[in-house]
């Protein structure tokens, strides 16, 4: 998620351009007569100046009438310039009215930015509830997934709802929840634990979890909490400064089923947590790693 917030800041920092062509200047200033005159004189409506098309500049400078004139004269609402799509700058500048204009002329509410981030994620990261509403009402997927990092190594899985919860945008989270958010619910696994393989779980842990978690009683926590004696202990109860508000609010101890829920996909089962890796969708691997976690104790927690 840090990458997404960084992308927002980079986009916003890039949204300044020096003086350009007459058409670009007219669009930037919202001068309708000058826009029309430049186009009548043969100016190329999609020409980029300093990485921006005239429509991009009209949107960036919040000139709805100039933007509408350019669209009527042929400017593509989905034409991407070096600085991005017109709807990207509308989202980042929190211009819900211009978003509606672009969407009404065919802009894609599920369009993605250069890093693969869906527009809805940008709106959530920017804390703009009105922008979120415009996108969702236009058909944006409230369960869209943005994949961070290397897909081969448990990448981050970020949904708009998870992002809203994580960034404490309670109003946006409530709106998304009321408009179709789906929370992953894996099947219960307690009855299958007796047939799991702790040795295979240890191998899985070593290759996928040990980068962030230590597993011996005397080890100091690193990126994640120490997992010694995790099965059966109270959630968020060890000495660790990185617990999310979501995990702190999840009452009770780490039961086998709660571990199964969490490990199936932390951001998909428990939106708002700091552990934003993919998790493990394969039930057998989850069973094995939970069986291994059970062994990390002086007196392993009883099996169901």
C-alpha atoms as a PDB file:
ATOM      1  CA  UNK A   1       0.000   0.000   0.000  1.00  0.00           C
ATOM      2  CA  UNK A   2       2.907   2.328   0.508  1.00  0.00           C
ATOM      3  CA  UNK A   3       3.493   2.063  -3.241  1.00  0.00           C
ATOM      4  CA  UNK A   4      -0.045   3.256  -3.954  1.00  0.00           C
ATOM      5  CA  UNK A   5       0.154   6.221  -1.618  1.00  0.00           C
ATOM      6  CA  UNK A   6       3.527   7.041  -3.164  1.00  0.00           C
ATOM      7  CA  UNK A   7       1.993   6.868  -6.629  1.00  0.00           C
ATOM      8  CA  UNK A   8      -0.687   9.338  -5.585  1.00  0.00           C
ATOM      9  CA  UNK A   9       1.921  11.789  -4.324  1.00  0.00           C
ATOM     10  CA  UNK A  10       4.048  11.376  -7.449  1.00  0.00           C
ATOM     11  CA  UNK A  11       1.056  12.018  -9.698  1.00  0.00           C
ATOM     12  CA  UNK A  12       0.099  15.110  -7.750  1.00  0.00           C
ATOM     13  CA  UNK A  13       3.662  16.413  -7.829  1.00  0.00           C
ATOM     14  CA  UNK A  14       3.800  15.924 -11.598  1.00  0.00           C
ATOM     15  CA  UNK A  15       0.660  17.898 -12.313  1.00  0.00           C
ATOM     16  CA  UNK A  16       2.382  21.149 -13.244  1.00  0.00           C
ATOM     17  CA  UNK A  17       3.442  22.149 -16.725  1.00  0.00           C
ATOM     18  CA  UNK A  18       5.245  25.114 -18.203  1.00  0.00           C
ATOM     19  CA  UNK A  19       3.686  27.364 -20.805  1.00  0.00           C
ATOM     20  CA  UNK A  20       2.747  25.376 -23.889  1.00  0.00           C
ATOM     21  CA  UNK A  21       1.029  25.750 -27.240  1.00  0.00           C
ATOM     22  CA  UNK A  22      -1.935  28.132 -27.711  1.00  0.00           C
ATOM     23  CA  UNK A  23      -4.379  25.228 -27.465  1.00  0.00           C
ATOM     24  CA  UNK A  24      -2.762  23.851 -24.345  1.00  0.00           C
ATOM     25  CA  UNK A  25      -2.689  27.302 -22.737  1.00  0.00           C
ATOM     26  CA  UNK A  26      -6.336  27.891 -23.636  1.00  0.00           C
ATOM     27  CA  UNK A  27      -7.337  24.527 -22.166  1.00  0.00           C
ATOM     28  CA  UNK A  28      -5.327  25.159 -19.023  1.00  0.00           C
ATOM     29  CA  UNK A  29      -6.936  28.582 -18.593  1.00  0.00           C
ATOM     30  CA  UNK A  30     -10.438  27.464 -19.477  1.00  0.00           C
ATOM     31  CA  UNK A  31     -10.665  29.984 -22.325  1.00  0.00           C
ATOM     32  CA  UNK A  32     -13.449  28.550 -24.499  1.00  0.00           C
ATOM     33  CA  UNK A  33     -13.059  31.056 -27.295  1.00  0.00           C
ATOM     34  CA  UNK A  34      -9.328  30.460 -27.506  1.00  0.00           C
ATOM     35  CA  UNK A  35      -9.834  26.677 -27.452  1.00  0.00           C
ATOM     36  CA  UNK A  36     -12.291  26.905 -30.337  1.00  0.00           C
ATOM     37  CA  UNK A  37     -10.046  29.309 -32.270  1.00  0.00           C
ATOM     38  CA  UNK A  38      -6.992  27.065 -31.897  1.00  0.00           C
ATOM     39  CA  UNK A  39      -8.935  24.021 -33.066  1.00  0.00           C
ATOM     40  CA  UNK A  40     -10.457  25.936 -35.982  1.00  0.00           C
ATOM     41  CA  UNK A  41      -6.931  26.952 -36.952  1.00  0.00           C
ATOM     42  CA  UNK A  42      -5.905  23.290 -37.155  1.00  0.00           C
ATOM     43  CA  UNK A  43      -4.368  22.572 -33.752  1.00  0.00           C
ATOM     44  CA  UNK A  44      -4.054  18.833 -33.073  1.00  0.00           C
ATOM     45  CA  UNK A  45      -6.495  18.021 -30.313  1.00  0.00           C
ATOM     46  CA  UNK A  46      -4.472  15.073 -28.998  1.00  0.00           C
ATOM     47  CA  UNK A  47      -1.061  16.730 -29.230  1.00  0.00           C
ATOM     48  CA  UNK A  48       0.938  16.450 -26.027  1.00  0.00           C
ATOM     49  CA  UNK A  49       2.810  19.331 -24.533  1.00  0.00           C
ATOM     50  CA  UNK A  50       5.057  18.639 -21.561  1.00  0.00           C
ATOM     51  CA  UNK A  51       3.398  15.234 -21.364  1.00  0.00           C
ATOM     52  CA  UNK A  52      -0.205  16.449 -21.291  1.00  0.00           C
ATOM     53  CA  UNK A  53      -3.029  16.641 -23.821  1.00  0.00           C
ATOM     54  CA  UNK A  54      -5.355  19.683 -23.846  1.00  0.00           C
ATOM     55  CA  UNK A  55      -8.113  17.605 -22.230  1.00  0.00           C
ATOM     56  CA  UNK A  56      -5.788  16.477 -19.461  1.00  0.00           C
ATOM     57  CA  UNK A  57      -4.929  20.128 -18.761  1.00  0.00           C
ATOM     58  CA  UNK A  58      -8.542  21.264 -18.781  1.00  0.00           C
ATOM     59  CA  UNK A  59      -9.393  18.532 -16.280  1.00  0.00           C
ATOM     60  CA  UNK A  60      -6.349  19.232 -14.139  1.00  0.00           C
ATOM     61  CA  UNK A  61      -7.187  22.944 -13.960  1.00  0.00           C
ATOM     62  CA  UNK A  62     -10.853  22.197 -13.248  1.00  0.00           C
ATOM     63  CA  UNK A  63     -12.456  23.746 -16.296  1.00  0.00           C
ATOM     64  CA  UNK A  64     -15.522  21.546 -16.963  1.00  0.00           C
ATOM     65  CA  UNK A  65     -16.790  23.663 -19.874  1.00  0.00           C
ATOM     66  CA  UNK A  66     -13.430  23.592 -21.630  1.00  0.00           C
ATOM     67  CA  UNK A  67     -13.187  19.844 -21.046  1.00  0.00           C
ATOM     68  CA  UNK A  68     -16.666  19.314 -22.476  1.00  0.00           C
ATOM     69  CA  UNK A  69     -15.870  21.461 -25.520  1.00  0.00           C
ATOM     70  CA  UNK A  70     -12.711  19.460 -26.197  1.00  0.00           C
ATOM     71  CA  UNK A  71     -14.637  16.194 -25.878  1.00  0.00           C
ATOM     72  CA  UNK A  72     -17.307  17.426 -28.279  1.00  0.00           C
ATOM     73  CA  UNK A  73     -14.577  18.408 -30.715  1.00  0.00           C
ATOM     74  CA  UNK A  74     -13.083  14.904 -30.610  1.00  0.00           C
ATOM     75  CA  UNK A  75     -10.742  14.637 -27.605  1.00  0.00           C
ATOM     76  CA  UNK A  76     -10.590  11.047 -26.409  1.00  0.00           C
ATOM     77  CA  UNK A  77     -11.643  10.572 -22.799  1.00  0.00           C
ATOM     78  CA  UNK A  78      -9.577   7.379 -22.698  1.00  0.00           C
ATOM     79  CA  UNK A  79      -6.572   8.775 -24.541  1.00  0.00           C
ATOM     80  CA  UNK A  80      -3.564   8.412 -22.248  1.00  0.00           C
ATOM     81  CA  UNK A  81      -0.854  11.046 -22.268  1.00  0.00           C
ATOM     82  CA  UNK A  82       2.583  10.791 -20.717  1.00  0.00           C
ATOM     83  CA  UNK A  83       1.105  12.094 -17.453  1.00  0.00           C
ATOM     84  CA  UNK A  84      -1.754   9.613 -17.508  1.00  0.00           C
ATOM     85  CA  UNK A  85      -5.453   9.379 -18.270  1.00  0.00           C
ATOM     86  CA  UNK A  86      -7.786  12.360 -17.877  1.00  0.00           C
ATOM     87  CA  UNK A  87      -9.790  10.432 -15.294  1.00  0.00           C
ATOM     88  CA  UNK A  88      -6.620   9.771 -13.288  1.00  0.00           C
ATOM     89  CA  UNK A  89      -6.020  13.456 -12.731  1.00  0.00           C
ATOM     90  CA  UNK A  90      -9.721  14.010 -12.013  1.00  0.00           C
ATOM     91  CA  UNK A  91      -9.586  11.358  -9.281  1.00  0.00           C
ATOM     92  CA  UNK A  92      -6.354  12.634  -7.795  1.00  0.00           C
ATOM     93  CA  UNK A  93      -7.576  16.233  -7.771  1.00  0.00           C
ATOM     94  CA  UNK A  94     -10.880  15.060  -6.236  1.00  0.00           C
ATOM     95  CA  UNK A  95     -12.952  16.566  -9.063  1.00  0.00           C
ATOM     96  CA  UNK A  96     -16.078  14.412  -8.853  1.00  0.00           C
ATOM     97  CA  UNK A  97     -17.921  16.615 -11.364  1.00  0.00           C
ATOM     98  CA  UNK A  98     -15.218  16.130 -13.998  1.00  0.00           C
ATOM     99  CA  UNK A  99     -15.118  12.424 -13.271  1.00  0.00           C
ATOM    100  CA  UNK A 100     -18.844  12.298 -14.021  1.00  0.00           C
ATOM    101  CA  UNK A 101     -18.300  14.230 -17.249  1.00  0.00           C
ATOM    102  CA  UNK A 102     -15.572  11.856 -18.428  1.00  0.00           C
ATOM    103  CA  UNK A 103     -17.537   8.774 -17.432  1.00  0.00           C
ATOM    104  CA  UNK A 104     -20.672  10.041 -19.180  1.00  0.00           C
ATOM    105  CA  UNK A 105     -18.635  10.241 -22.383  1.00  0.00           C
ATOM    106  CA  UNK A 106     -17.268   6.710 -22.122  1.00  0.00           C
ATOM    107  CA  UNK A 107     -14.339   6.785 -19.708  1.00  0.00           C
ATOM    108  CA  UNK A 108     -13.819   3.418 -18.043  1.00  0.00           C
ATOM    109  CA  UNK A 109     -14.624   3.390 -14.286  1.00  0.00           C
ATOM    110  CA  UNK A 110     -12.332   0.350 -13.998  1.00  0.00           C
ATOM    111  CA  UNK A 111      -9.418   1.976 -15.810  1.00  0.00           C
ATOM    112  CA  UNK A 112      -5.986   1.346 -14.342  1.00  0.00           C
ATOM    113  CA  UNK A 113      -3.016   3.602 -13.794  1.00  0.00           C
ATOM    114  CA  UNK A 114       0.523   2.827 -14.917  1.00  0.00           C
ATOM    115  CA  UNK A 115       1.259   0.602 -11.948  1.00  0.00           C
ATOM    116  CA  UNK A 116      -1.896  -1.434 -12.447  1.00  0.00           C
ATOM    117  CA  UNK A 117      -3.802   0.396  -9.720  1.00  0.00           C
ATOM    118  CA  UNK A 118      -7.548   0.616 -10.472  1.00  0.00           C
ATOM    119  CA  UNK A 119      -9.087   4.086 -10.301  1.00  0.00           C
ATOM    120  CA  UNK A 120     -11.200   3.073  -7.318  1.00  0.00           C
ATOM    121  CA  UNK A 121      -8.044   2.349  -5.326  1.00  0.00           C
ATOM    122  CA  UNK A 122      -6.734   5.825  -6.147  1.00  0.00           C
ATOM    123  CA  UNK A 123      -9.996   7.399  -5.009  1.00  0.00           C
ATOM    124  CA  UNK A 124      -9.902   5.442  -1.739  1.00  0.00           C
ATOM    125  CA  UNK A 125      -6.235   6.240  -1.131  1.00  0.00           C
ATOM    126  CA  UNK A 126      -7.039   9.908  -1.725  1.00  0.00           C
ATOM    127  CA  UNK A 127      -9.823   9.761   0.866  1.00  0.00           C
ATOM    128  CA  UNK A 128     -12.437  11.084  -1.568  1.00  0.00           C
ATOM    129  CA  UNK A 129     -15.845   9.583  -0.764  1.00  0.00           C
ATOM    130  CA  UNK A 130     -17.573  11.556  -3.535  1.00  0.00           C
ATOM    131  CA  UNK A 131     -15.057  10.188  -6.038  1.00  0.00           C
ATOM    132  CA  UNK A 132     -15.648   6.654  -4.771  1.00  0.00           C
ATOM    133  CA  UNK A 133     -19.399   7.107  -5.158  1.00  0.00           C
ATOM    134  CA  UNK A 134     -19.052   8.394  -8.727  1.00  0.00           C
ATOM    135  CA  UNK A 135     -16.901   5.441  -9.740  1.00  0.00           C
ATOM    136  CA  UNK A 136     -19.072   2.810  -8.060  1.00  0.00           C
ATOM    137  CA  UNK A 137     -22.256   4.278  -9.517  1.00  0.00           C
ATOM    138  CA  UNK A 138     -20.608   4.150 -12.938  1.00  0.00           C
ATOM    139  CA  UNK A 139     -19.791   0.458 -12.527  1.00  0.00           C
ATOM    140  CA  UNK A 140     -16.405   0.285 -10.799  1.00  0.00           C
ATOM    141  CA  UNK A 141     -15.734  -3.131  -9.264  1.00  0.00           C
ATOM    142  CA  UNK A 142     -15.807  -2.746  -5.476  1.00  0.00           C
ATOM    143  CA  UNK A 143     -13.937  -6.053  -5.151  1.00  0.00           C
ATOM    144  CA  UNK A 144     -11.213  -5.192  -7.664  1.00  0.00           C
ATOM    145  CA  UNK A 145      -7.810  -6.515  -6.671  1.00  0.00           C
ATOM    146  CA  UNK A 146      -4.527  -4.694  -7.077  1.00  0.00           C
ATOM    147  CA  UNK A 147      -1.561  -7.076  -6.910  1.00  0.00           C
ATOM    148  CA  UNK A 148       1.624  -5.648  -5.438  1.00  0.00           C
ATOM    149  CA  UNK A 149       5.063  -7.153  -5.829  1.00  0.00           C
ATOM    150  CA  UNK A 150       6.150 -10.418  -7.417  1.00  0.00           C
ATOM    151  CA  UNK A 151       3.134 -12.642  -8.215  1.00  0.00           C
ATOM    152  CA  UNK A 152       5.360 -15.705  -7.658  1.00  0.00           C
ATOM    153  CA  UNK A 153       6.215 -14.811  -4.044  1.00  0.00           C
ATOM    154  CA  UNK A 154       3.028 -14.247  -2.035  1.00  0.00           C
ATOM    155  CA  UNK A 155       2.375 -10.764  -3.438  1.00  0.00           C
ATOM    156  CA  UNK A 156       0.275  -8.116  -1.755  1.00  0.00           C
ATOM    157  CA  UNK A 157      -3.450  -8.354  -2.487  1.00  0.00           C
ATOM    158  CA  UNK A 158      -5.154  -4.982  -2.029  1.00  0.00           C
ATOM    159  CA  UNK A 159      -8.889  -4.388  -2.395  1.00  0.00           C
ATOM    160  CA  UNK A 160     -10.564  -0.964  -2.117  1.00  0.00           C
ATOM    161  CA  UNK A 161     -12.308  -2.052   1.092  1.00  0.00           C
ATOM    162  CA  UNK A 162      -9.084  -3.264   2.671  1.00  0.00           C
ATOM    163  CA  UNK A 163      -7.400   0.006   1.734  1.00  0.00           C
ATOM    164  CA  UNK A 164     -10.241   2.058   3.212  1.00  0.00           C
ATOM    165  CA  UNK A 165     -10.109   0.085   6.468  1.00  0.00           C
ATOM    166  CA  UNK A 166      -6.330   0.225   6.652  1.00  0.00           C
ATOM    167  CA  UNK A 167      -6.186   3.982   6.038  1.00  0.00           C
ATOM    168  CA  UNK A 168      -9.015   4.679   8.515  1.00  0.00           C
ATOM    169  CA  UNK A 169     -11.434   6.048   5.917  1.00  0.00           C
ATOM    170  CA  UNK A 170     -14.458   4.819   7.860  1.00  0.00           C
ATOM    171  CA  UNK A 171     -16.998   6.615   5.671  1.00  0.00           C
ATOM    172  CA  UNK A 172     -15.582   5.074   2.506  1.00  0.00           C
ATOM    173  CA  UNK A 173     -15.346   1.628   4.103  1.00  0.00           C
ATOM    174  CA  UNK A 174     -19.003   1.821   5.151  1.00  0.00           C
ATOM    175  CA  UNK A 175     -20.078   2.909   1.671  1.00  0.00           C
ATOM    176  CA  UNK A 176     -18.149   0.103  -0.013  1.00  0.00           C
ATOM    177  CA  UNK A 177     -19.466  -2.456   2.448  1.00  0.00           C
ATOM    178  CA  UNK A 178     -23.003  -1.369   1.570  1.00  0.00           C
ATOM    179  CA  UNK A 179     -22.295  -1.700  -2.159  1.00  0.00           C
ATOM    180  CA  UNK A 180     -21.234  -5.284  -2.646  1.00  0.00           C
ATOM    181  CA  UNK A 181     -17.997  -5.961  -0.798  1.00  0.00           C
ATOM    182  CA  UNK A 182     -17.348  -9.701  -0.527  1.00  0.00           C
ATOM    183  CA  UNK A 183     -15.346 -11.037   2.430  1.00  0.00           C
ATOM    184  CA  UNK A 184     -13.581 -14.351   1.806  1.00  0.00           C
ATOM    185  CA  UNK A 185     -14.796 -17.187   4.073  1.00  0.00           C
ATOM    186  CA  UNK A 186     -12.758 -20.390   3.819  1.00  0.00           C
ATOM    187  CA  UNK A 187     -14.280 -23.718   4.767  1.00  0.00           C
ATOM    188  CA  UNK A 188     -13.630 -24.987   8.331  1.00  0.00           C
ATOM    189  CA  UNK A 189     -10.521 -27.131   8.682  1.00  0.00           C
ATOM    190  CA  UNK A 190     -10.421 -28.337  12.313  1.00  0.00           C
ATOM    191  CA  UNK A 191     -11.578 -31.868  11.483  1.00  0.00           C
ATOM    192  CA  UNK A 192      -8.757 -32.251   8.958  1.00  0.00           C
ATOM    193  CA  UNK A 193      -5.832 -31.174  11.145  1.00  0.00           C
ATOM    194  CA  UNK A 194      -5.070 -34.668  12.429  1.00  0.00           C
ATOM    195  CA  UNK A 195      -4.040 -35.718   8.915  1.00  0.00           C
ATOM    196  CA  UNK A 196      -1.862 -32.672   8.183  1.00  0.00           C
ATOM    197  CA  UNK A 197       1.930 -32.728   7.836  1.00  0.00           C
ATOM    198  CA  UNK A 198       3.925 -30.424  10.173  1.00  0.00           C
ATOM    199  CA  UNK A 199       7.171 -31.161   8.312  1.00  0.00           C
ATOM    200  CA  UNK A 200       5.700 -29.871   5.067  1.00  0.00           C
ATOM    201  CA  UNK A 201       4.338 -26.932   7.006  1.00  0.00           C
ATOM    202  CA  UNK A 202       7.826 -26.150   8.299  1.00  0.00           C
ATOM    203  CA  UNK A 203       9.160 -26.121   4.751  1.00  0.00           C
ATOM    204  CA  UNK A 204       6.333 -23.825   3.653  1.00  0.00           C
ATOM    205  CA  UNK A 205       7.019 -21.520   6.597  1.00  0.00           C
ATOM    206  CA  UNK A 206      10.738 -21.360   5.799  1.00  0.00           C
ATOM    207  CA  UNK A 207      10.158 -20.337   2.186  1.00  0.00           C
ATOM    208  CA  UNK A 208       7.151 -18.045   2.643  1.00  0.00           C
ATOM    209  CA  UNK A 209       6.849 -16.751   6.199  1.00  0.00           C
ATOM    210  CA  UNK A 210      10.313 -16.597   7.754  1.00  0.00           C
ATOM    211  CA  UNK A 211      11.131 -13.344   5.949  1.00  0.00           C
ATOM    212  CA  UNK A 212       8.803 -11.538   8.372  1.00  0.00           C
ATOM    213  CA  UNK A 213       8.279 -13.868  11.335  1.00  0.00           C
ATOM    214  CA  UNK A 214      10.602 -15.502  13.862  1.00  0.00           C
ATOM    215  CA  UNK A 215       9.555 -18.741  15.519  1.00  0.00           C
ATOM    216  CA  UNK A 216      11.702 -19.339  18.618  1.00  0.00           C
ATOM    217  CA  UNK A 217      10.767 -18.107  22.084  1.00  0.00           C
ATOM    218  CA  UNK A 218      13.931 -16.042  22.497  1.00  0.00           C
ATOM    219  CA  UNK A 219      13.841 -14.402  19.042  1.00  0.00           C
ATOM    220  CA  UNK A 220      13.183 -10.676  18.718  1.00  0.00           C
ATOM    221  CA  UNK A 221      10.278  -9.802  16.386  1.00  0.00           C
ATOM    222  CA  UNK A 222      11.192  -8.315  13.007  1.00  0.00           C
ATOM    223  CA  UNK A 223       8.623  -7.250  10.415  1.00  0.00           C
ATOM    224  CA  UNK A 224       5.930  -9.356  12.069  1.00  0.00           C
ATOM    225  CA  UNK A 225       5.298 -10.688  15.577  1.00  0.00           C
ATOM    226  CA  UNK A 226       7.065 -13.715  17.030  1.00  0.00           C
ATOM    227  CA  UNK A 227       4.960 -16.817  16.318  1.00  0.00           C
ATOM    228  CA  UNK A 228       6.237 -18.964  19.170  1.00  0.00           C
ATOM    229  CA  UNK A 229       3.230 -20.290  21.091  1.00  0.00           C
ATOM    230  CA  UNK A 230       0.841 -18.538  18.673  1.00  0.00           C
ATOM    231  CA  UNK A 231      -1.809 -21.289  18.640  1.00  0.00           C
ATOM    232  CA  UNK A 232      -4.173 -20.621  21.510  1.00  0.00           C
ATOM    233  CA  UNK A 233      -2.748 -17.300  22.665  1.00  0.00           C
ATOM    234  CA  UNK A 234      -4.723 -14.063  22.652  1.00  0.00           C
ATOM    235  CA  UNK A 235      -4.588 -12.136  19.390  1.00  0.00           C
ATOM    236  CA  UNK A 236      -2.239  -9.141  19.244  1.00  0.00           C
ATOM    237  CA  UNK A 237      -0.936 -10.025  22.703  1.00  0.00           C
ATOM    238  CA  UNK A 238       2.819 -10.337  22.200  1.00  0.00           C
ATOM    239  CA  UNK A 239       5.348  -7.517  22.379  1.00  0.00           C
ATOM    240  CA  UNK A 240       5.135  -6.014  18.899  1.00  0.00           C
ATOM    241  CA  UNK A 241       4.518  -2.433  17.768  1.00  0.00           C
ATOM    242  CA  UNK A 242       3.116  -3.175  14.321  1.00  0.00           C
ATOM    243  CA  UNK A 243      -0.352  -4.502  15.094  1.00  0.00           C
ATOM    244  CA  UNK A 244      -3.134  -2.939  13.031  1.00  0.00           C
ATOM    245  CA  UNK A 245      -6.259  -1.510  14.610  1.00  0.00           C
ATOM    246  CA  UNK A 246      -8.191  -4.258  12.844  1.00  0.00           C
ATOM    247  CA  UNK A 247      -6.195  -7.026  14.507  1.00  0.00           C
ATOM    248  CA  UNK A 248      -6.237  -5.261  17.880  1.00  0.00           C
ATOM    249  CA  UNK A 249     -10.029  -5.206  17.649  1.00  0.00           C
ATOM    250  CA  UNK A 250     -10.312  -8.921  16.780  1.00  0.00           C
ATOM    251  CA  UNK A 251     -11.115 -10.430  20.150  1.00  0.00           C
ATOM    252  CA  UNK A 252     -10.278 -13.885  21.418  1.00  0.00           C
ATOM    253  CA  UNK A 253      -7.408 -16.297  21.022  1.00  0.00           C
ATOM    254  CA  UNK A 254      -5.856 -17.725  17.874  1.00  0.00           C
ATOM    255  CA  UNK A 255      -7.993 -20.796  17.334  1.00  0.00           C
ATOM    256  CA  UNK A 256      -7.284 -23.190  14.513  1.00  0.00           C
ATOM    257  CA  UNK A 257     -10.228 -21.784  12.572  1.00  0.00           C
ATOM    258  CA  UNK A 258      -9.159 -18.170  13.101  1.00  0.00           C
ATOM    259  CA  UNK A 259      -5.676 -19.015  11.847  1.00  0.00           C
ATOM    260  CA  UNK A 260      -7.250 -20.711   8.843  1.00  0.00           C
ATOM    261  CA  UNK A 261      -9.366 -17.623   8.117  1.00  0.00           C
ATOM    262  CA  UNK A 262      -6.442 -15.237   8.474  1.00  0.00           C
ATOM    263  CA  UNK A 263      -3.935 -17.274   6.464  1.00  0.00           C
ATOM    264  CA  UNK A 264      -6.366 -17.856   3.590  1.00  0.00           C
ATOM    265  CA  UNK A 265      -5.838 -14.233   2.579  1.00  0.00           C
ATOM    266  CA  UNK A 266      -5.368 -11.627   5.317  1.00  0.00           C
ATOM    267  CA  UNK A 267      -6.637  -8.649   3.328  1.00  0.00           C
ATOM    268  CA  UNK A 268      -9.532 -10.663   1.881  1.00  0.00           C
ATOM    269  CA  UNK A 269     -10.723 -12.265   5.129  1.00  0.00           C
ATOM    270  CA  UNK A 270      -9.747  -9.543   7.616  1.00  0.00           C
ATOM    271  CA  UNK A 271      -9.567  -6.215   5.715  1.00  0.00           C
ATOM    272  CA  UNK A 272      -7.472  -3.519   7.365  1.00  0.00           C
ATOM    273  CA  UNK A 273      -4.671  -5.692   8.744  1.00  0.00           C
ATOM    274  CA  UNK A 274      -1.045  -4.759   8.203  1.00  0.00           C
ATOM    275  CA  UNK A 275      -0.225  -8.175   6.760  1.00  0.00           C
ATOM    276  CA  UNK A 276      -1.084  -7.407   3.141  1.00  0.00           C
ATOM    277  CA  UNK A 277       0.498 -10.454   1.488  1.00  0.00           C
ATOM    278  CA  UNK A 278      -1.644 -12.795  -0.580  1.00  0.00           C
ATOM    279  CA  UNK A 279      -1.923 -15.510   2.042  1.00  0.00           C
ATOM    280  CA  UNK A 280      -2.311 -19.127   1.036  1.00  0.00           C
ATOM    281  CA  UNK A 281      -5.446 -20.087  -0.931  1.00  0.00           C
ATOM    282  CA  UNK A 282      -4.538 -23.797  -0.939  1.00  0.00           C
ATOM    283  CA  UNK A 283      -6.202 -25.537   2.000  1.00  0.00           C
ATOM    284  CA  UNK A 284      -3.614 -28.322   2.222  1.00  0.00           C
ATOM    285  CA  UNK A 285      -0.767 -25.847   2.587  1.00  0.00           C
ATOM    286  CA  UNK A 286      -2.727 -23.965   5.255  1.00  0.00           C
ATOM    287  CA  UNK A 287      -3.378 -27.168   7.167  1.00  0.00           C
ATOM    288  CA  UNK A 288       0.298 -28.090   7.072  1.00  0.00           C
ATOM    289  CA  UNK A 289       1.558 -24.685   8.182  1.00  0.00           C
ATOM    290  CA  UNK A 290      -1.026 -24.490  10.984  1.00  0.00           C
ATOM    291  CA  UNK A 291       0.096 -27.941  12.112  1.00  0.00           C
ATOM    292  CA  UNK A 292       3.667 -26.649  12.135  1.00  0.00           C
ATOM    293  CA  UNK A 293       2.673 -23.521  14.091  1.00  0.00           C
ATOM    294  CA  UNK A 294       1.120 -25.842  16.686  1.00  0.00           C
ATOM    295  CA  UNK A 295       4.552 -27.385  17.282  1.00  0.00           C
ATOM    296  CA  UNK A 296       6.020 -23.979  18.193  1.00  0.00           C
ATOM    297  CA  UNK A 297       5.287 -24.373  21.874  1.00  0.00           C
ATOM    298  CA  UNK A 298       6.583 -26.155  24.986  1.00  0.00           C
ATOM    299  CA  UNK A 299       3.149 -27.777  25.278  1.00  0.00           C
ATOM    300  CA  UNK A 300       1.390 -27.854  21.876  1.00  0.00           C
ATOM    301  CA  UNK A 301      -2.246 -26.812  21.913  1.00  0.00           C
ATOM    302  CA  UNK A 302      -4.601 -29.837  21.802  1.00  0.00           C
ATOM    303  CA  UNK A 303      -5.951 -30.902  18.449  1.00  0.00           C
ATOM    304  CA  UNK A 304      -9.742 -30.657  18.002  1.00  0.00           C
END
